[in-house]
Protein backbone atom coordinates (compact mmCIF):
# COMPACT_ATOMS: atom_id res chain seq x y z
CA MET A 1 47.82 21.26 -0.73
CA LEU A 2 48.00 17.49 -0.02
CA GLN A 3 45.92 15.33 2.23
CA ALA A 4 46.32 11.97 3.30
CA ALA A 5 44.48 9.65 5.36
CA LEU A 6 43.83 5.95 6.21
CA ALA A 7 40.22 5.33 6.22
CA LYS A 8 38.89 1.87 5.84
CA GLY A 9 39.94 -1.67 6.51
CA ARG A 10 38.89 -5.13 5.85
CA CYS A 11 40.05 -8.40 7.20
CA ALA A 12 42.58 -10.06 4.94
CA GLY A 13 42.08 -13.43 6.56
CA GLY A 14 44.30 -15.38 9.20
CA GLU A 15 44.39 -18.29 11.55
CA THR A 16 42.60 -18.95 14.77
CA ALA A 17 44.83 -16.93 16.87
CA LEU A 18 45.99 -14.65 13.99
CA LYS A 19 44.24 -11.65 12.69
CA LYS A 20 45.73 -9.99 9.82
CA TYR A 21 44.11 -6.59 8.30
CA ARG A 22 44.65 -4.80 5.41
CA VAL A 23 44.01 -1.15 5.84
CA TRP A 24 43.55 1.28 3.02
CA PHE A 25 44.50 4.84 2.86
CA ALA A 26 41.71 7.45 1.56
CA ILE A 27 40.47 10.77 2.09
CA ALA A 28 37.40 11.67 4.40
CA CYS A 29 35.93 8.32 5.09
CA ALA A 30 35.18 6.66 8.30
CA ALA A 31 37.27 3.91 9.73
CA THR A 32 35.79 0.41 9.55
CA ALA A 33 36.97 -2.90 9.69
CA THR A 34 35.12 -6.27 9.29
CA SER A 35 35.60 -9.16 11.81
CA VAL A 36 35.40 -13.00 11.36
CA SER A 37 34.32 -14.73 14.45
CA TRP A 38 37.79 -15.91 15.89
CA ALA A 39 38.82 -15.80 19.48
CA GLN A 40 40.51 -12.65 19.04
CA THR A 41 39.04 -9.83 17.24
CA VAL A 42 40.48 -6.61 15.84
CA THR A 43 38.18 -3.69 14.81
CA ALA A 44 39.36 -0.17 13.33
CA THR A 45 38.10 2.54 15.16
CA GLN A 46 39.86 5.62 13.66
CA ALA A 47 41.75 6.29 10.76
CA LEU A 48 45.35 6.97 10.51
CA ALA A 49 45.47 10.45 8.92
CA PHE A 50 48.44 12.64 7.95
CA GLY A 51 46.34 15.76 7.53
CA SER A 52 46.75 18.67 5.41
CA PHE A 53 49.95 19.81 4.35
CA ALA A 54 52.28 21.69 1.40
CA ALA A 55 55.22 19.85 0.23
CA GLY A 56 57.40 22.94 0.06
CA THR A 57 61.07 21.57 -0.23
CA GLY A 58 60.01 18.21 0.71
CA GLY A 59 60.61 16.29 4.14
CA THR A 60 58.29 14.25 6.38
CA VAL A 61 55.11 14.54 8.20
CA THR A 62 54.74 12.02 11.30
CA ILE A 63 51.83 10.87 13.34
CA SER A 64 53.14 9.43 16.43
CA ALA A 65 51.26 6.32 18.01
CA ALA A 66 49.91 9.11 20.48
CA GLY A 67 48.54 10.93 17.67
CA VAL A 68 50.84 13.79 17.72
CA ARG A 69 51.50 15.28 14.32
CA SER A 70 55.23 16.56 13.24
CA ARG A 71 56.88 17.82 10.27
CA GLY A 72 60.51 17.41 9.05
CA GLY A 73 62.37 19.38 6.43
CA GLY A 74 60.55 21.82 4.07
CA VAL A 75 57.13 20.38 4.56
CA ILE A 76 54.45 23.02 5.81
CA LEU A 77 51.55 21.73 8.16
CA VAL A 78 48.22 23.10 7.70
CA SER A 79 46.20 23.61 10.90
CA SER A 80 42.97 22.59 9.19
CA GLY A 81 43.85 18.87 8.94
CA SER A 82 45.71 17.92 11.97
CA GLY A 83 45.75 14.19 11.31
CA SER A 84 45.26 11.24 14.03
CA ALA A 85 46.94 7.90 14.80
CA ALA A 86 45.02 4.84 13.74
CA LEU A 87 42.85 3.12 16.53
CA PHE A 88 42.20 -0.52 16.63
CA SER A 89 39.82 -2.13 19.44
CA VAL A 90 41.41 -5.52 20.02
CA SER A 91 39.53 -8.04 22.10
CA GLY A 92 39.68 -11.82 23.23
CA THR A 93 40.54 -13.90 26.13
CA PRO A 94 41.15 -11.91 29.27
CA ASN A 95 44.65 -10.93 30.24
CA ALA A 96 45.88 -12.80 27.37
CA THR A 97 48.97 -10.95 25.62
CA TYR A 98 49.65 -11.07 21.95
CA ALA A 99 52.33 -9.88 19.42
CA ILE A 100 51.99 -7.03 17.07
CA SER A 101 53.57 -7.00 13.72
CA LEU A 102 53.75 -3.68 11.74
CA PRO A 103 55.08 -3.12 7.87
CA ALA A 104 58.88 -2.80 7.58
CA ASN A 105 60.35 0.18 5.81
CA GLY A 106 60.14 0.14 2.10
CA VAL A 107 56.95 -1.72 1.83
CA VAL A 108 54.28 0.68 2.22
CA SER A 109 53.42 3.69 -0.20
CA MET A 110 50.60 5.86 -1.00
CA THR A 111 49.74 6.84 -4.75
CA SER A 112 47.78 9.41 -6.59
CA GLY A 113 47.83 8.54 -10.23
CA VAL A 114 51.70 8.24 -11.27
CA ASN A 115 52.92 10.23 -7.94
CA SER A 116 53.93 8.20 -4.83
CA MET A 117 54.85 8.87 -1.29
CA ALA A 118 56.60 6.30 0.90
CA VAL A 119 55.12 5.36 4.34
CA ASP A 120 57.79 4.19 6.75
CA ASN A 121 58.75 3.84 10.61
CA PHE A 122 55.54 2.42 11.81
CA THR A 123 55.07 2.63 15.75
CA SER A 124 52.28 1.27 18.00
CA SER A 125 51.20 1.82 21.43
CA PRO A 126 51.57 -0.64 22.94
CA ASN A 127 54.76 -1.51 21.47
CA LEU A 128 55.40 -4.92 20.08
CA THR A 129 53.30 -6.66 22.84
CA GLY A 130 49.80 -5.78 23.95
CA ALA A 131 47.86 -7.36 26.95
CA LEU A 132 44.09 -7.58 27.04
CA SER A 133 42.32 -6.35 30.32
CA GLY A 134 40.63 -8.46 32.70
CA GLY A 135 37.66 -7.71 30.42
CA GLY A 136 39.70 -8.77 27.34
CA ALA A 137 39.85 -5.49 25.86
CA GLN A 138 42.73 -2.85 24.81
CA THR A 139 43.06 -0.06 22.17
CA LEU A 140 46.03 -0.33 20.00
CA SER A 141 47.15 2.85 18.11
CA VAL A 142 49.28 3.12 15.15
CA GLY A 143 51.43 5.94 13.97
CA ALA A 144 53.66 6.32 10.81
CA THR A 145 55.93 8.70 8.98
CA LEU A 146 55.29 9.74 5.45
CA GLY A 147 57.97 10.84 3.21
CA VAL A 148 57.08 14.04 1.02
CA GLY A 149 59.03 14.82 -2.18
CA SER A 150 60.12 18.38 -2.97
CA ASN A 151 57.10 20.05 -4.67
CA GLN A 152 55.11 16.81 -4.34
CA ALA A 153 52.15 16.87 -6.61
CA SER A 154 48.93 17.78 -4.74
CA GLY A 155 46.05 15.04 -4.58
CA SER A 156 44.29 12.36 -2.94
CA TYR A 157 46.84 9.82 -2.04
CA ASN A 158 45.81 5.92 -1.65
CA GLY A 159 47.57 2.97 -0.11
CA GLY A 160 47.53 0.11 2.52
CA PHE A 161 49.29 -1.70 5.02
CA ASP A 162 49.20 -4.74 7.34
CA VAL A 163 48.75 -4.95 10.98
CA THR A 164 48.99 -8.45 12.39
CA VAL A 165 47.85 -9.10 16.13
CA ASN A 166 48.62 -12.68 17.40
CA TYR A 167 48.38 -14.32 20.48
CA ASN A 168 51.42 -15.05 22.51
């Protein structure tokens, strides 16, 4: 059985209105992110988790930005590890809009020893542009698709991806 989850993040740096977070894949850890004192803050509040599954003949495991898990191909989903979308709390100037940048396909992978799986087709809600409320807050959710090889080796897979939030 395989399990894959995004579990903790850390601030990778940025400009005054730009926040870039490097988020790491891990198993069974709480989602956290550190924040630097900028006008806009982003804090990870929930891990992106693909849940438990068996590779079968290979295929995909997708977590939508709404947190719905689905499979493609011969992957077998295991109900004990249902997965979840990553959630981030974005806060800053009330009513401000911001652009969301997610990784391109072919950039992110998860590894366990010499074995790997690609993570592609990142999606978010809101999609591409967010708008902070009158109180200066919004929840950003992120989903993605995990490519699972035929007879993918069991293990704990690790990786990471960048999410960039920038005021418009």
